[in-house]
Amino acid sequence: MLAELPILSLLIWGPVLGGVWVLYAGDRQEETVKTLALMISVVTFLLSTLLYKDFDITTHEMQFVEFAYWIEAFNINYYLGIDGIAMPLIILTTFITVLVILAGWEVIEKRISQYLAAFLIMEGLMIGVFSAVDAMLFYVFWEAMLIPMFLIIGIWGGPRRVYATIKFFLYTFLGSVFMLVAFLYLYSQSGTFNILELQDLPLEAGVQKLIFIAFLLAFAVKIPMWPVHTWLPDAHVEAPTGGSVILAAIMLKLGGYGFLRFSLPITPDASLYFDTAMIVLSLIAIVYIGFVALVQQDMKKLIAYSSISHMGFVTLGFFIGFSIYAATGSTEGAVFGLEGAMIQMISHGFISGALFLCVGIMYDRVHSREIKDYGGVVNTMPHFAAFMMLFAMANAGLPGTSGFVGEFVVIVSAYQANFWIAFLAALTLILGAAYTLWMYKRVIFGEVANDNVKHLKDINSRETFILSMLVIVVLVFGIYPAPLFDAMHPTLEHLFGQMLQSKVGQ
């Protein structure tokens, strides 16, 4: 019955129209506007959970498909559908948005309706990116979602917000231009923007390499990969807490999603050709950026660099599959690596979002992100300290948390290809523990460096609820990740089959 409803359109346009409604309501009745925004986000989340309920985990085919002609002259269509890659990411998006709306409940004091509307509209546009099966529709959603985030950082951000927003916009927009050029070339060769048909399009090796590089420039910036990562720490530091949470939990995942949807299946020969370079870049992100995180004095910058390091596992899991297949002749290990990368994407969304919320809770009370301005927080905020301890452990990859599952699976998969790759990747377990627990020790247990800390109030019921929801998810997927593996396996198995299928000379 659910398959007959335009559920993906409801998930996309419901929050967008809801955001317009919130914007129209204005700030005259602040509590009403907040309640309205929360109701819209909760309904969207509940609707998204029905996707999992009715999702067929035995097939890689697109499900909940919607199709309507849009610009017929260029064969551009309103074509939506999801598979085992997109479905978990959509639910992640709707879940995190509810928490972000709640997190800004008492903190945002100016232009509250515009703030909440921006997040609702951005939610719908991000779901559009995950649902689009037409390349031009994907591009429209991809570019449109930059606008709300640009406004969120630029209006509600910190002192250097203008610099951060311009840098964020230029990096992401310029990278996307190359993706558009690649789409137009593929259209010129095929006469369609249908992503599923483009995945079957024969392409010569040289052309594949150019298209792969064009996609890489768009998706590497979004993840972000080293060395095009420098926009992220600035954006995180200046963004309000809600902006940082969405940026880390969802927007970074769009780059990884792009590799799975476009680079690997459309340019498999080029992906094989560049796989060593991608593995090296991933290892640099994991190890080098881990050391960079270790010297940060700003908590938000530390977590931002931590995000870059952890996302290195995602690209490593994507591209290590070729080496695993060459070493073992088995597809199982390679598919396992892809699954680990996907688990890491989703887990990182929960854990990094939780850490940014924790920093936001402290910043709202002390108005500082500097580690040196804290110490002894456990004495006045014991409940908060307990929550933050669990998220810090999850960020360090503690077994029993979701942070362990993805990293462990990728490391085990990498070991099948090369011991030294697995060894370098495993260093993140040491580095992650070092920078995360060092920050936690100084902030929570260190000597009190600020009189304001002595008078802090522990988390209230709203903040407790937000952090509790994240604790539940981090522990559930850390102890029992099987539902995620089951949902993703057919799609990722099919994807690796596409990656092994050469398009040269077809």
Protein backbone atom coordinates (compact mmCIF):
# COMPACT_ATOMS: atom_id res chain seq x y z
CA MET A 1 0.00 0.00 0.00
CA LEU A 2 2.84 2.38 0.85
CA ALA A 3 4.43 1.79 -2.54
CA GLU A 4 1.32 3.33 -4.16
CA LEU A 5 1.81 6.63 -2.29
CA PRO A 6 4.22 9.29 -3.59
CA ILE A 7 6.13 8.89 -0.33
CA LEU A 8 9.43 10.25 -1.65
CA SER A 9 7.71 13.39 -2.93
CA LEU A 10 6.04 13.78 0.45
CA LEU A 11 9.42 13.47 2.17
CA ILE A 12 10.98 16.04 -0.16
CA TRP A 13 8.26 18.64 -0.54
CA GLY A 14 6.61 18.23 2.88
CA PRO A 15 9.57 19.81 4.75
CA VAL A 16 10.11 22.37 1.95
CA LEU A 17 6.49 23.58 2.04
CA GLY A 18 6.53 23.27 5.82
CA GLY A 19 9.57 25.52 5.89
CA VAL A 20 7.76 28.09 3.75
CA TRP A 21 4.81 27.88 6.15
CA VAL A 22 7.09 28.47 9.14
CA LEU A 23 8.72 31.36 7.31
CA TYR A 24 5.33 32.89 6.56
CA ALA A 25 4.26 32.52 10.21
CA GLY A 26 7.13 34.80 11.23
CA ASP A 27 8.38 35.52 14.72
CA ARG A 28 5.19 37.04 16.11
CA GLN A 29 4.23 33.84 17.93
CA GLU A 30 7.60 32.28 18.70
CA GLU A 31 6.40 29.22 20.61
CA THR A 32 3.82 28.42 17.94
CA VAL A 33 6.46 28.62 15.22
CA LYS A 34 8.79 26.31 17.14
CA THR A 35 6.02 23.79 17.76
CA LEU A 36 5.00 23.90 14.09
CA ALA A 37 8.57 23.28 12.91
CA LEU A 38 9.00 20.42 15.37
CA MET A 39 5.72 18.80 14.28
CA ILE A 40 6.74 18.98 10.61
CA SER A 41 10.14 17.42 11.33
CA VAL A 42 8.64 14.65 13.51
CA VAL A 43 6.00 13.76 10.92
CA THR A 44 8.70 13.65 8.24
CA PHE A 45 10.81 11.32 10.39
CA LEU A 46 7.88 8.99 11.10
CA LEU A 47 7.03 8.91 7.41
CA SER A 48 10.64 8.05 6.54
CA THR A 49 10.63 5.07 8.93
CA LEU A 50 7.87 3.56 6.80
CA LEU A 51 10.46 3.31 4.03
CA TYR A 52 12.33 0.71 6.07
CA LYS A 53 9.13 -1.07 7.07
CA ASP A 54 8.08 -1.66 3.45
CA PHE A 55 11.60 -1.93 1.99
CA ASP A 56 12.38 -5.17 0.12
CA ILE A 57 15.85 -6.18 1.35
CA THR A 58 16.17 -8.99 -1.22
CA THR A 59 16.63 -6.79 -4.29
CA HIS A 60 18.95 -4.09 -5.60
CA GLU A 61 16.24 -2.55 -7.78
CA MET A 62 14.96 0.97 -7.17
CA GLN A 63 11.90 1.04 -4.91
CA PHE A 64 9.11 3.57 -4.23
CA VAL A 65 9.65 4.81 -7.78
CA GLU A 66 7.95 8.00 -8.97
CA PHE A 67 8.14 9.30 -12.52
CA ALA A 68 6.80 12.37 -14.30
CA TYR A 69 7.95 14.16 -17.43
CA TRP A 70 9.62 17.48 -16.64
CA ILE A 71 11.63 19.05 -19.49
CA GLU A 72 10.80 16.71 -22.34
CA ALA A 73 12.89 18.55 -24.95
CA PHE A 74 16.06 17.47 -23.12
CA ASN A 75 14.70 14.22 -21.69
CA ILE A 76 14.94 15.59 -18.13
CA ASN A 77 12.40 13.94 -15.85
CA TYR A 78 11.14 14.05 -12.28
CA TYR A 79 12.35 10.53 -11.53
CA LEU A 80 12.66 9.37 -7.92
CA GLY A 81 13.57 6.05 -6.33
CA ILE A 82 15.68 4.59 -3.53
CA ASP A 83 17.77 1.49 -2.96
CA GLY A 84 19.75 0.05 -0.06
CA ILE A 85 22.26 2.90 -0.25
CA ALA A 86 19.80 5.80 -0.19
CA MET A 87 17.22 4.47 2.28
CA PRO A 88 19.38 4.53 5.45
CA LEU A 89 20.75 7.97 4.56
CA ILE A 90 17.23 9.40 4.22
CA ILE A 91 16.24 8.08 7.65
CA LEU A 92 19.48 9.51 9.08
CA THR A 93 18.56 12.89 7.58
CA THR A 94 15.05 12.98 9.03
CA PHE A 95 16.20 11.75 12.47
CA ILE A 96 18.99 14.32 12.81
CA THR A 97 16.72 17.16 11.64
CA VAL A 98 14.30 16.53 14.52
CA LEU A 99 17.17 16.80 17.01
CA VAL A 100 18.51 19.97 15.36
CA ILE A 101 15.10 21.64 15.61
CA LEU A 102 14.99 20.73 19.32
CA ALA A 103 18.59 21.86 19.87
CA GLY A 104 17.78 25.40 18.69
CA TRP A 105 14.65 25.65 20.85
CA GLU A 106 16.04 28.03 23.48
CA VAL A 107 19.39 28.98 21.97
CA ILE A 108 18.41 30.90 18.84
CA GLU A 109 17.04 34.29 19.86
CA LYS A 110 16.89 36.22 16.58
CA ARG A 111 14.92 35.37 13.44
CA ILE A 112 13.80 32.04 14.86
CA SER A 113 11.26 31.38 12.09
CA GLN A 114 13.89 31.92 9.37
CA TYR A 115 16.33 29.66 11.24
CA LEU A 116 13.86 26.78 11.56
CA ALA A 117 12.58 27.25 8.00
CA ALA A 118 16.12 27.01 6.62
CA PHE A 119 16.64 23.62 8.26
CA LEU A 120 13.28 22.25 7.09
CA ILE A 121 13.86 23.38 3.51
CA MET A 122 17.39 21.97 3.57
CA GLU A 123 16.05 18.66 4.89
CA GLY A 124 13.72 18.29 1.93
CA LEU A 125 16.45 19.20 -0.57
CA MET A 126 18.92 16.70 0.93
CA ILE A 127 16.31 13.95 0.74
CA GLY A 128 15.88 15.00 -2.90
CA VAL A 129 19.58 14.37 -3.52
CA PHE A 130 19.33 10.84 -2.09
CA SER A 131 16.11 10.11 -4.03
CA ALA A 132 16.92 11.50 -7.49
CA VAL A 133 17.33 8.95 -10.30
CA ASP A 134 17.66 11.69 -12.94
CA ALA A 135 21.10 13.32 -13.06
CA MET A 136 19.83 16.85 -13.70
CA LEU A 137 17.24 16.54 -10.93
CA PHE A 138 20.09 15.36 -8.69
CA TYR A 139 22.14 18.41 -9.69
CA VAL A 140 19.28 20.82 -8.96
CA PHE A 141 18.82 19.41 -5.45
CA TRP A 142 22.61 19.24 -4.95
CA GLU A 143 23.06 22.94 -5.68
CA ALA A 144 19.84 24.15 -4.04
CA MET A 145 20.72 22.66 -0.65
CA LEU A 146 23.79 24.92 -0.48
CA ILE A 147 21.58 28.00 -0.15
CA PRO A 148 19.98 27.22 3.25
CA MET A 149 23.35 26.20 4.72
CA PHE A 150 24.94 29.36 3.30
CA LEU A 151 22.29 31.42 5.08
CA ILE A 152 22.52 29.43 8.33
CA ILE A 153 26.26 30.04 8.64
CA GLY A 154 26.12 33.58 7.27
CA ILE A 155 23.29 34.85 9.51
CA TRP A 156 23.58 32.84 12.74
CA GLY A 157 27.31 32.07 12.61
CA GLY A 158 30.30 33.40 14.54
CA PRO A 159 32.45 36.51 14.07
CA ARG A 160 34.14 35.24 10.86
CA ARG A 161 30.94 33.87 9.38
CA VAL A 162 31.15 35.85 6.13
CA TYR A 163 34.61 34.45 5.36
CA ALA A 164 33.47 30.92 6.24
CA THR A 165 30.32 31.10 4.12
CA ILE A 166 32.09 32.42 1.06
CA LYS A 167 34.82 29.78 1.34
CA PHE A 168 32.23 27.04 1.86
CA PHE A 169 30.14 28.18 -1.11
CA LEU A 170 33.07 28.65 -3.50
CA TYR A 171 34.64 25.27 -2.74
CA THR A 172 31.41 23.31 -3.06
CA PHE A 173 29.95 25.26 -5.99
CA LEU A 174 33.11 25.23 -8.12
CA GLY A 175 33.53 21.50 -7.58
CA SER A 176 29.94 20.94 -8.65
CA VAL A 177 30.45 22.76 -11.95
CA PHE A 178 32.75 19.95 -13.12
CA MET A 179 30.08 17.42 -12.21
CA LEU A 180 27.59 19.32 -14.37
CA VAL A 181 30.01 19.23 -17.32
CA ALA A 182 30.33 15.46 -16.87
CA PHE A 183 26.53 15.09 -16.84
CA LEU A 184 26.22 17.11 -20.04
CA TYR A 185 28.86 14.99 -21.79
CA LEU A 186 27.15 11.78 -20.72
CA TYR A 187 23.86 13.17 -22.02
CA SER A 188 25.49 14.01 -25.37
CA GLN A 189 26.57 10.36 -25.68
CA SER A 190 23.38 8.72 -24.45
CA GLY A 191 20.50 11.18 -24.93
CA THR A 192 19.34 10.61 -21.35
CA PHE A 193 19.96 11.83 -17.82
CA ASN A 194 18.60 8.60 -16.33
CA ILE A 195 21.29 7.53 -13.83
CA LEU A 196 20.49 3.82 -14.22
CA GLU A 197 20.94 4.05 -17.99
CA LEU A 198 24.12 6.10 -17.64
CA GLN A 199 25.55 3.31 -15.48
CA ASP A 200 25.28 0.97 -18.50
CA LEU A 201 26.74 3.45 -21.03
CA PRO A 202 29.94 2.18 -22.79
CA LEU A 203 32.83 4.64 -22.40
CA GLU A 204 36.43 4.57 -23.58
CA ALA A 205 39.18 4.53 -20.95
CA GLY A 206 40.41 8.07 -21.57
CA VAL A 207 36.89 9.48 -21.39
CA GLN A 208 36.21 7.56 -18.19
CA LYS A 209 39.30 9.08 -16.57
CA LEU A 210 38.19 12.62 -17.38
CA ILE A 211 34.67 11.95 -16.12
CA PHE A 212 36.05 10.33 -12.96
CA ILE A 213 38.19 13.42 -12.27
CA ALA A 214 35.18 15.69 -12.84
CA PHE A 215 33.14 13.67 -10.34
CA LEU A 216 36.10 13.54 -7.95
CA LEU A 217 36.35 17.34 -7.85
CA ALA A 218 32.70 17.54 -6.79
CA PHE A 219 32.54 14.65 -4.35
CA ALA A 220 36.01 14.99 -2.77
CA VAL A 221 35.22 18.57 -1.77
CA LYS A 222 31.94 17.51 -0.19
CA ILE A 223 33.36 14.61 1.90
CA PRO A 224 35.90 16.43 2.22
CA MET A 225 39.07 14.58 1.23
CA TRP A 226 42.60 15.84 1.73
CA PRO A 227 43.77 18.31 0.33
CA VAL A 228 40.42 20.03 -0.45
CA HIS A 229 39.29 19.86 3.17
CA THR A 230 40.28 23.31 4.40
CA TRP A 231 36.79 24.82 4.09
CA LEU A 232 35.30 22.41 6.64
CA PRO A 233 37.02 23.51 9.89
CA ASP A 234 36.21 27.17 9.12
CA ALA A 235 32.58 26.34 8.33
CA HIS A 236 32.20 24.25 11.50
CA VAL A 237 33.79 26.83 13.79
CA GLU A 238 31.61 29.68 12.53
CA ALA A 239 28.36 27.73 12.08
CA PRO A 240 25.75 27.64 14.86
CA THR A 241 25.44 24.28 16.61
CA GLY A 242 22.57 23.10 14.38
CA GLY A 243 24.52 24.01 11.25
CA SER A 244 27.56 22.06 12.44
CA VAL A 245 25.41 19.02 13.23
CA ILE A 246 23.76 18.94 9.79
CA LEU A 247 27.06 19.65 8.06
CA ALA A 248 28.86 16.77 9.81
CA ALA A 249 26.00 14.29 10.08
CA ILE A 250 24.48 14.58 6.61
CA MET A 251 26.13 16.95 4.13
CA LEU A 252 29.51 15.22 4.27
CA LYS A 253 27.75 11.96 3.40
CA LEU A 254 26.56 13.40 0.10
CA GLY A 255 30.09 13.16 -1.30
CA GLY A 256 30.32 9.49 -0.37
CA TYR A 257 26.89 8.89 -1.84
CA GLY A 258 28.06 10.51 -5.10
CA PHE A 259 30.96 8.06 -5.40
CA LEU A 260 28.57 5.12 -4.99
CA ARG A 261 25.93 6.46 -7.34
CA PHE A 262 28.13 7.91 -10.11
CA SER A 263 31.92 7.39 -9.98
CA LEU A 264 32.11 3.65 -9.28
CA PRO A 265 29.31 2.33 -11.54
CA ILE A 266 29.62 4.86 -14.43
CA THR A 267 33.44 4.87 -14.65
CA PRO A 268 34.55 1.44 -13.36
CA ASP A 269 37.74 1.28 -15.45
CA ALA A 270 38.83 4.73 -14.30
CA SER A 271 37.94 3.83 -10.70
CA LEU A 272 40.27 0.83 -11.01
CA TYR A 273 42.97 3.01 -12.59
CA PHE A 274 42.80 5.62 -9.82
CA ASP A 275 42.17 3.24 -6.93
CA THR A 276 45.76 3.42 -5.62
CA ALA A 277 45.65 7.22 -5.60
CA MET A 278 42.30 7.17 -3.80
CA ILE A 279 43.62 4.73 -1.19
CA VAL A 280 46.67 6.95 -0.59
CA LEU A 281 44.51 10.07 -0.22
CA SER A 282 42.24 8.17 2.18
CA LEU A 283 45.18 7.06 4.32
CA ILE A 284 46.55 10.61 4.41
CA ALA A 285 43.18 11.79 5.66
CA ILE A 286 43.03 9.04 8.29
CA VAL A 287 46.58 9.45 9.64
CA TYR A 288 47.76 12.99 8.88
CA ILE A 289 44.47 14.72 9.72
CA GLY A 290 44.35 12.62 12.90
CA PHE A 291 47.63 14.23 13.96
CA VAL A 292 46.24 17.65 12.99
CA ALA A 293 43.24 17.03 15.26
CA LEU A 294 45.63 16.20 18.08
CA VAL A 295 46.99 19.77 18.29
CA GLN A 296 43.71 21.67 18.10
CA GLN A 297 42.77 23.99 20.95
CA ASP A 298 39.24 24.75 19.71
CA MET A 299 36.80 21.89 20.44
CA LYS A 300 34.82 22.44 17.25
CA LYS A 301 37.97 22.41 15.12
CA LEU A 302 39.11 19.22 16.81
CA ILE A 303 35.82 17.48 16.03
CA ALA A 304 35.86 18.90 12.48
CA TYR A 305 39.31 17.42 11.79
CA SER A 306 38.16 14.21 13.45
CA SER A 307 35.32 14.09 10.92
CA ILE A 308 37.76 14.38 8.01
CA SER A 309 39.89 11.58 9.47
CA HIS A 310 36.91 9.27 10.01
CA MET A 311 35.51 9.98 6.54
CA GLY A 312 38.82 8.71 5.16
CA PHE A 313 37.56 5.26 6.13
CA VAL A 314 34.60 5.78 3.83
CA THR A 315 36.65 6.39 0.69
CA LEU A 316 39.10 3.65 1.71
CA GLY A 317 36.25 1.15 1.96
CA PHE A 318 34.92 2.22 -1.43
CA PHE A 319 38.18 1.80 -3.36
CA ILE A 320 39.95 -1.03 -1.51
CA GLY A 321 37.56 -3.51 -3.14
CA PHE A 322 39.58 -3.73 -6.37
CA SER A 323 42.71 -4.71 -4.42
CA ILE A 324 40.80 -7.23 -2.30
CA TYR A 325 39.38 -8.86 -5.43
CA ALA A 326 42.83 -8.96 -7.06
CA ALA A 327 44.36 -10.54 -3.94
CA THR A 328 41.65 -13.08 -3.10
CA GLY A 329 39.58 -13.54 -6.26
CA SER A 330 36.48 -13.26 -4.06
CA THR A 331 33.82 -10.59 -4.20
CA GLU A 332 32.70 -11.16 -0.61
CA GLY A 333 35.58 -9.27 0.98
CA ALA A 334 35.17 -6.35 -1.40
CA VAL A 335 31.44 -6.09 -0.74
CA PHE A 336 32.21 -6.32 2.99
CA GLY A 337 34.47 -3.28 2.60
CA LEU A 338 31.72 -1.33 0.86
CA GLU A 339 29.32 -2.27 3.66
CA GLY A 340 31.84 -1.13 6.26
CA ALA A 341 32.18 2.22 4.51
CA MET A 342 28.41 2.68 4.47
CA ILE A 343 28.14 1.75 8.16
CA GLN A 344 30.91 4.24 8.88
CA MET A 345 29.02 6.99 7.02
CA ILE A 346 25.86 6.43 9.02
CA SER A 347 27.62 5.92 12.35
CA HIS A 348 29.71 9.04 11.87
CA GLY A 349 26.50 10.97 11.31
CA PHE A 350 25.24 10.06 14.77
CA ILE A 351 28.54 10.37 16.65
CA SER A 352 29.85 13.61 15.12
CA GLY A 353 26.40 15.16 15.42
CA ALA A 354 26.33 14.18 19.10
CA LEU A 355 29.78 15.65 19.77
CA PHE A 356 28.88 18.95 18.11
CA LEU A 357 25.71 19.07 20.21
CA CYS A 358 27.80 18.50 23.34
CA VAL A 359 30.13 21.35 22.41
CA GLY A 360 27.08 23.51 21.68
CA ILE A 361 25.61 22.77 25.11
CA MET A 362 28.82 23.94 26.79
CA TYR A 363 29.19 26.96 24.50
CA ASP A 364 25.65 28.13 25.32
CA ARG A 365 26.67 28.27 28.98
CA VAL A 366 30.29 29.50 28.85
CA HIS A 367 30.43 31.17 25.38
CA SER A 368 33.80 29.68 24.58
CA ARG A 369 34.95 26.74 22.49
CA GLU A 370 38.56 26.86 23.73
CA ILE A 371 39.61 23.77 25.67
CA LYS A 372 41.71 25.90 28.04
CA ASP A 373 38.58 27.75 29.23
CA TYR A 374 37.09 24.61 30.75
CA GLY A 375 38.07 21.98 33.29
CA GLY A 376 36.15 20.39 36.12
CA VAL A 377 32.86 20.34 34.20
CA VAL A 378 32.06 16.97 35.79
CA ASN A 379 31.65 18.69 39.16
CA THR A 380 28.75 20.85 38.01
CA MET A 381 27.39 18.86 35.03
CA PRO A 382 27.72 15.15 35.99
CA HIS A 383 24.86 13.94 33.74
CA PHE A 384 26.28 15.82 30.76
CA ALA A 385 29.75 14.40 31.49
CA ALA A 386 28.36 10.86 31.36
CA PHE A 387 26.73 11.44 27.97
CA MET A 388 29.83 13.06 26.53
CA MET A 389 31.98 10.19 27.80
CA LEU A 390 29.97 7.69 25.79
CA PHE A 391 30.16 9.79 22.62
CA ALA A 392 33.89 10.32 23.12
CA MET A 393 34.38 6.56 23.46
CA ALA A 394 32.26 5.95 20.35
CA ASN A 395 34.38 8.47 18.42
CA ALA A 396 37.47 6.57 19.54
CA GLY A 397 35.97 3.31 18.20
CA LEU A 398 35.02 1.54 21.43
CA PRO A 399 33.58 -1.97 20.78
CA GLY A 400 29.86 -2.00 21.48
CA THR A 401 29.34 1.39 19.83
CA SER A 402 28.52 2.09 16.19
CA GLY A 403 31.88 3.85 15.82
CA PHE A 404 33.65 0.51 16.14
CA VAL A 405 31.62 -1.45 13.59
CA GLY A 406 32.36 0.53 10.42
CA GLU A 407 36.04 1.08 11.15
CA PHE A 408 36.60 -2.56 12.15
CA VAL A 409 34.92 -3.88 9.00
CA VAL A 410 36.98 -1.58 6.74
CA ILE A 411 40.22 -2.51 8.53
CA VAL A 412 39.46 -6.25 8.27
CA SER A 413 38.63 -5.82 4.59
CA ALA A 414 41.81 -3.80 3.95
CA TYR A 415 43.87 -6.54 5.60
CA GLN A 416 42.76 -8.95 2.88
CA ALA A 417 44.32 -6.61 0.32
CA ASN A 418 47.46 -5.41 2.06
CA PHE A 419 48.73 -5.60 5.64
CA TRP A 420 50.30 -2.14 5.60
CA ILE A 421 47.14 -0.45 4.38
CA ALA A 422 45.24 -2.09 7.24
CA PHE A 423 48.02 -1.13 9.67
CA LEU A 424 47.96 2.55 8.68
CA ALA A 425 44.15 2.60 8.78
CA ALA A 426 44.19 1.01 12.23
CA LEU A 427 46.32 3.88 13.54
CA THR A 428 43.11 5.88 13.74
CA LEU A 429 42.07 3.73 16.71
CA ILE A 430 45.11 5.10 18.55
CA LEU A 431 44.90 8.65 17.21
CA GLY A 432 41.14 8.83 17.68
CA ALA A 433 41.48 7.76 21.29
CA ALA A 434 44.35 10.22 21.78
CA TYR A 435 42.72 13.42 20.57
CA THR A 436 39.18 12.61 21.74
CA LEU A 437 40.05 11.44 25.25
CA TRP A 438 42.69 14.16 25.69
CA MET A 439 40.03 16.75 24.94
CA TYR A 440 37.57 15.00 27.26
CA LYS A 441 40.11 14.78 30.09
CA ARG A 442 41.00 18.48 29.97
CA VAL A 443 37.42 19.72 29.57
CA ILE A 444 35.61 17.41 31.96
CA PHE A 445 38.23 16.41 34.53
CA GLY A 446 40.94 19.06 34.23
CA GLU A 447 41.59 21.86 36.68
CA VAL A 448 38.91 24.55 36.68
CA ALA A 449 40.24 27.39 34.53
CA ASN A 450 37.13 29.57 34.42
CA ASP A 451 34.92 30.75 37.27
CA ASN A 452 31.91 30.37 35.00
CA VAL A 453 32.41 26.60 35.07
CA LYS A 454 31.82 26.57 38.84
CA HIS A 455 28.29 27.87 38.32
CA LEU A 456 27.20 25.75 35.35
CA LYS A 457 23.79 24.12 35.34
CA ASP A 458 23.50 20.50 34.26
CA ILE A 459 21.56 19.57 31.15
CA ASN A 460 17.81 20.11 31.22
CA SER A 461 15.10 17.66 30.12
CA ARG A 462 15.19 18.86 26.49
CA GLU A 463 18.95 18.40 26.20
CA THR A 464 18.75 15.06 28.03
CA PHE A 465 16.16 13.82 25.53
CA ILE A 466 18.27 14.85 22.53
CA LEU A 467 21.43 13.16 23.83
CA SER A 468 19.47 10.08 24.98
CA MET A 469 18.12 9.51 21.48
CA LEU A 470 21.65 9.59 20.08
CA VAL A 471 22.93 7.26 22.82
CA ILE A 472 20.25 4.71 21.96
CA VAL A 473 21.09 4.76 18.26
CA VAL A 474 24.87 4.60 18.81
CA LEU A 475 24.51 1.60 21.14
CA VAL A 476 21.85 -0.24 19.12
CA PHE A 477 23.85 -0.11 15.88
CA GLY A 478 27.03 -0.86 17.80
CA ILE A 479 25.57 -4.04 19.31
CA TYR A 480 23.20 -5.11 16.51
CA PRO A 481 24.08 -3.61 13.08
CA ALA A 482 22.46 -6.51 11.18
CA PRO A 483 19.42 -4.50 9.92
CA LEU A 484 21.76 -2.06 8.16
CA PHE A 485 23.87 -4.83 6.64
CA ASP A 486 20.77 -6.68 5.45
CA ALA A 487 19.25 -3.60 3.82
CA MET A 488 22.46 -2.60 2.03
CA HIS A 489 23.89 -5.96 0.96
CA PRO A 490 21.97 -6.64 -2.32
CA THR A 491 22.57 -3.09 -3.57
CA LEU A 492 26.28 -3.06 -2.73
CA GLU A 493 26.75 -6.57 -4.13
CA HIS A 494 25.21 -5.38 -7.40
CA LEU A 495 27.37 -2.25 -7.30
CA PHE A 496 30.57 -4.26 -7.01
CA GLY A 497 29.44 -6.35 -9.96
CA GLN A 498 29.17 -3.09 -11.94
CA MET A 499 32.64 -2.05 -10.72
CA LEU A 500 34.13 -5.29 -12.14
CA GLN A 501 32.39 -4.87 -15.51
CA SER A 502 34.75 -3.10 -17.92
CA LYS A 503 33.08 -0.66 -20.30
CA VAL A 504 36.03 -0.34 -22.66
CA GLY A 505 35.36 -1.85 -26.10
CA GLN A 506 31.69 -2.63 -25.43
